[in-house]
């Protein structure tokens, strides 16, 4: 049995992070016993699950969905992860497009024959 401070320390998170997870429904709020709320090994596992999922790039809404699934729900788990992967691929495409745009601006700036900055001119005319 751990208090919230000891749980936070053991899992290397802030107490406020645990409280936030409780407010949004990712973690349970234990009943109060003698003016304290005590956490158990299941709470440690849940917090560890959340941290590992965040480290893998999952959003809290996706983590919440995964927490509700059983180990046998492989198809649904794959669906959640595939959706996240699709979002990552989309973001990569957006970043590559942005990179190309900025690279083009740099090239235009290097080759401009007048004193006017083509980057600022482009931004001001947009």
C-alpha atoms as a PDB file:
ATOM      1  CA  UNK A   1       0.000   0.000   0.000  1.00  0.00           C
ATOM      2  CA  UNK A   2       1.439   3.328  -1.106  1.00  0.00           C
ATOM      3  CA  UNK A   3       0.415   6.938  -0.639  1.00  0.00           C
ATOM      4  CA  UNK A   4       0.255   9.120  -3.737  1.00  0.00           C
ATOM      5  CA  UNK A   5       3.671  10.616  -2.952  1.00  0.00           C
ATOM      6  CA  UNK A   6       5.307   7.213  -2.690  1.00  0.00           C
ATOM      7  CA  UNK A   7       3.549   6.034  -5.859  1.00  0.00           C
ATOM      8  CA  UNK A   8       4.791   9.108  -7.722  1.00  0.00           C
ATOM      9  CA  UNK A   9       8.324   8.605  -6.477  1.00  0.00           C
ATOM     10  CA  UNK A  10       8.375   4.904  -7.319  1.00  0.00           C
ATOM     11  CA  UNK A  11       7.053   5.538 -10.846  1.00  0.00           C
ATOM     12  CA  UNK A  12       9.129   8.701 -11.311  1.00  0.00           C
ATOM     13  CA  UNK A  13       6.192  10.996 -12.064  1.00  0.00           C
ATOM     14  CA  UNK A  14       4.807  14.090 -10.422  1.00  0.00           C
ATOM     15  CA  UNK A  15       1.945  13.791  -7.929  1.00  0.00           C
ATOM     16  CA  UNK A  16      -0.021  16.259 -10.048  1.00  0.00           C
ATOM     17  CA  UNK A  17       0.391  13.949 -13.038  1.00  0.00           C
ATOM     18  CA  UNK A  18      -1.299  11.157 -11.108  1.00  0.00           C
ATOM     19  CA  UNK A  19      -4.093  13.498 -10.044  1.00  0.00           C
ATOM     20  CA  UNK A  20      -4.548  14.606 -13.636  1.00  0.00           C
ATOM     21  CA  UNK A  21      -4.749  10.989 -14.816  1.00  0.00           C
ATOM     22  CA  UNK A  22      -7.392  10.415 -12.152  1.00  0.00           C
ATOM     23  CA  UNK A  23      -9.417  13.468 -13.232  1.00  0.00           C
ATOM     24  CA  UNK A  24      -9.526  12.321 -16.858  1.00  0.00           C
ATOM     25  CA  UNK A  25     -10.324   8.721 -15.938  1.00  0.00           C
ATOM     26  CA  UNK A  26      -7.026   7.023 -16.773  1.00  0.00           C
ATOM     27  CA  UNK A  27      -6.456   5.966 -13.165  1.00  0.00           C
ATOM     28  CA  UNK A  28      -8.820   5.084 -10.383  1.00  0.00           C
ATOM     29  CA  UNK A  29      -9.246   7.238  -7.302  1.00  0.00           C
ATOM     30  CA  UNK A  30      -8.828   4.972  -4.293  1.00  0.00           C
ATOM     31  CA  UNK A  31     -11.124   5.275  -1.325  1.00  0.00           C
ATOM     32  CA  UNK A  32      -9.885   7.271   1.645  1.00  0.00           C
ATOM     33  CA  UNK A  33      -8.741   5.238   4.644  1.00  0.00           C
ATOM     34  CA  UNK A  34      -7.749   7.124   7.799  1.00  0.00           C
ATOM     35  CA  UNK A  35      -7.435  10.396   5.841  1.00  0.00           C
ATOM     36  CA  UNK A  36      -5.152   8.798   3.213  1.00  0.00           C
ATOM     37  CA  UNK A  37      -5.684   7.229  -0.159  1.00  0.00           C
ATOM     38  CA  UNK A  38      -3.646   4.103  -0.592  1.00  0.00           C
ATOM     39  CA  UNK A  39      -2.487   2.747  -3.929  1.00  0.00           C
ATOM     40  CA  UNK A  40      -1.712  -0.879  -4.742  1.00  0.00           C
ATOM     41  CA  UNK A  41       0.312  -2.879  -7.262  1.00  0.00           C
ATOM     42  CA  UNK A  42      -2.452  -2.555  -9.872  1.00  0.00           C
ATOM     43  CA  UNK A  43      -2.074   1.233  -9.704  1.00  0.00           C
ATOM     44  CA  UNK A  44       1.677   0.853 -10.263  1.00  0.00           C
ATOM     45  CA  UNK A  45       0.986  -1.337 -13.310  1.00  0.00           C
ATOM     46  CA  UNK A  46      -1.538   1.169 -14.683  1.00  0.00           C
ATOM     47  CA  UNK A  47       0.849   4.081 -14.241  1.00  0.00           C
ATOM     48  CA  UNK A  48       3.663   2.096 -15.842  1.00  0.00           C
ATOM     49  CA  UNK A  49       1.369   1.202 -18.768  1.00  0.00           C
ATOM     50  CA  UNK A  50       0.501   4.880 -19.260  1.00  0.00           C
ATOM     51  CA  UNK A  51       4.159   5.948 -19.183  1.00  0.00           C
ATOM     52  CA  UNK A  52       5.247   3.244 -21.645  1.00  0.00           C
ATOM     53  CA  UNK A  53       2.386   4.102 -23.999  1.00  0.00           C
ATOM     54  CA  UNK A  54       3.260   7.809 -23.826  1.00  0.00           C
ATOM     55  CA  UNK A  55       6.903   6.957 -24.558  1.00  0.00           C
ATOM     56  CA  UNK A  56       5.655   5.084 -27.641  1.00  0.00           C
ATOM     57  CA  UNK A  57       3.971   8.282 -28.836  1.00  0.00           C
ATOM     58  CA  UNK A  58       0.386   7.437 -27.997  1.00  0.00           C
ATOM     59  CA  UNK A  59      -2.082  10.156 -27.063  1.00  0.00           C
ATOM     60  CA  UNK A  60      -3.913   9.986 -23.722  1.00  0.00           C
ATOM     61  CA  UNK A  61      -7.217   9.250 -25.481  1.00  0.00           C
ATOM     62  CA  UNK A  62      -5.600   6.275 -27.223  1.00  0.00           C
ATOM     63  CA  UNK A  63      -4.081   5.102 -23.953  1.00  0.00           C
ATOM     64  CA  UNK A  64      -7.477   5.291 -22.291  1.00  0.00           C
ATOM     65  CA  UNK A  65      -8.943   3.146 -25.048  1.00  0.00           C
ATOM     66  CA  UNK A  66      -6.143   0.585 -24.702  1.00  0.00           C
ATOM     67  CA  UNK A  67      -6.525   0.441 -20.920  1.00  0.00           C
ATOM     68  CA  UNK A  68     -10.105  -0.705 -21.399  1.00  0.00           C
ATOM     69  CA  UNK A  69      -9.141  -3.604 -23.660  1.00  0.00           C
ATOM     70  CA  UNK A  70      -8.289  -7.127 -22.655  1.00  0.00           C
ATOM     71  CA  UNK A  71      -5.149  -9.010 -23.688  1.00  0.00           C
ATOM     72  CA  UNK A  72      -7.289 -11.040 -26.105  1.00  0.00           C
ATOM     73  CA  UNK A  73      -8.557  -7.934 -27.965  1.00  0.00           C
ATOM     74  CA  UNK A  74      -5.704  -8.071 -30.450  1.00  0.00           C
ATOM     75  CA  UNK A  75      -7.731  -6.795 -33.410  1.00  0.00           C
ATOM     76  CA  UNK A  76      -8.917  -3.696 -31.551  1.00  0.00           C
ATOM     77  CA  UNK A  77      -5.416  -3.027 -30.202  1.00  0.00           C
ATOM     78  CA  UNK A  78      -4.022  -3.265 -33.740  1.00  0.00           C
ATOM     79  CA  UNK A  79      -6.733  -0.868 -34.910  1.00  0.00           C
ATOM     80  CA  UNK A  80      -5.803   1.752 -32.280  1.00  0.00           C
ATOM     81  CA  UNK A  81      -2.091   1.447 -33.068  1.00  0.00           C
ATOM     82  CA  UNK A  82      -2.708   1.535 -36.841  1.00  0.00           C
ATOM     83  CA  UNK A  83      -4.712   4.748 -36.464  1.00  0.00           C
ATOM     84  CA  UNK A  84      -1.826   6.301 -34.527  1.00  0.00           C
ATOM     85  CA  UNK A  85       0.656   5.128 -37.140  1.00  0.00           C
ATOM     86  CA  UNK A  86      -1.496   6.688 -39.884  1.00  0.00           C
ATOM     87  CA  UNK A  87      -1.491  10.002 -37.992  1.00  0.00           C
ATOM     88  CA  UNK A  88       2.290   9.822 -37.637  1.00  0.00           C
ATOM     89  CA  UNK A  89       2.682   9.140 -41.376  1.00  0.00           C
ATOM     90  CA  UNK A  90       0.445  12.121 -42.138  1.00  0.00           C
ATOM     91  CA  UNK A  91       2.502  14.342 -39.841  1.00  0.00           C
ATOM     92  CA  UNK A  92       5.724  13.141 -41.494  1.00  0.00           C
ATOM     93  CA  UNK A  93       4.308  14.127 -44.890  1.00  0.00           C
ATOM     94  CA  UNK A  94       3.333  17.554 -43.525  1.00  0.00           C
ATOM     95  CA  UNK A  95       6.818  18.053 -42.074  1.00  0.00           C
ATOM     96  CA  UNK A  96       8.501  16.956 -45.308  1.00  0.00           C
ATOM     97  CA  UNK A  97       6.357  19.445 -47.207  1.00  0.00           C
ATOM     98  CA  UNK A  98       7.285  22.175 -44.742  1.00  0.00           C
ATOM     99  CA  UNK A  99      10.961  21.238 -45.024  1.00  0.00           C
ATOM    100  CA  UNK A 100      10.785  21.492 -48.819  1.00  0.00           C
ATOM    101  CA  UNK A 101       9.113  24.902 -48.600  1.00  0.00           C
ATOM    102  CA  UNK A 102      11.741  26.270 -46.207  1.00  0.00           C
ATOM    103  CA  UNK A 103      14.587  24.806 -48.277  1.00  0.00           C
ATOM    104  CA  UNK A 104      13.171  26.480 -51.371  1.00  0.00           C
ATOM    105  CA  UNK A 105      13.070  29.798 -49.526  1.00  0.00           C
ATOM    106  CA  UNK A 106      16.714  29.414 -48.491  1.00  0.00           C
ATOM    107  CA  UNK A 107      17.727  28.604 -52.074  1.00  0.00           C
ATOM    108  CA  UNK A 108      15.790  31.616 -53.372  1.00  0.00           C
ATOM    109  CA  UNK A 109      17.431  33.833 -50.757  1.00  0.00           C
ATOM    110  CA  UNK A 110      20.911  32.638 -51.757  1.00  0.00           C
ATOM    111  CA  UNK A 111      20.337  33.262 -55.459  1.00  0.00           C
ATOM    112  CA  UNK A 112      18.356  36.538 -55.318  1.00  0.00           C
ATOM    113  CA  UNK A 113      20.034  39.286 -57.319  1.00  0.00           C
ATOM    114  CA  UNK A 114      18.345  42.226 -55.617  1.00  0.00           C
ATOM    115  CA  UNK A 115      18.602  43.632 -52.118  1.00  0.00           C
ATOM    116  CA  UNK A 116      15.061  42.574 -51.230  1.00  0.00           C
ATOM    117  CA  UNK A 117      14.795  39.431 -49.111  1.00  0.00           C
ATOM    118  CA  UNK A 118      12.607  36.939 -51.027  1.00  0.00           C
ATOM    119  CA  UNK A 119      11.611  35.169 -47.818  1.00  0.00           C
ATOM    120  CA  UNK A 120      10.239  38.330 -46.198  1.00  0.00           C
ATOM    121  CA  UNK A 121       8.688  39.386 -49.491  1.00  0.00           C
ATOM    122  CA  UNK A 122       6.879  36.027 -49.721  1.00  0.00           C
ATOM    123  CA  UNK A 123       5.687  36.215 -46.118  1.00  0.00           C
ATOM    124  CA  UNK A 124       4.463  39.817 -46.431  1.00  0.00           C
ATOM    125  CA  UNK A 125       2.620  39.145 -49.705  1.00  0.00           C
ATOM    126  CA  UNK A 126       0.875  36.009 -48.452  1.00  0.00           C
END
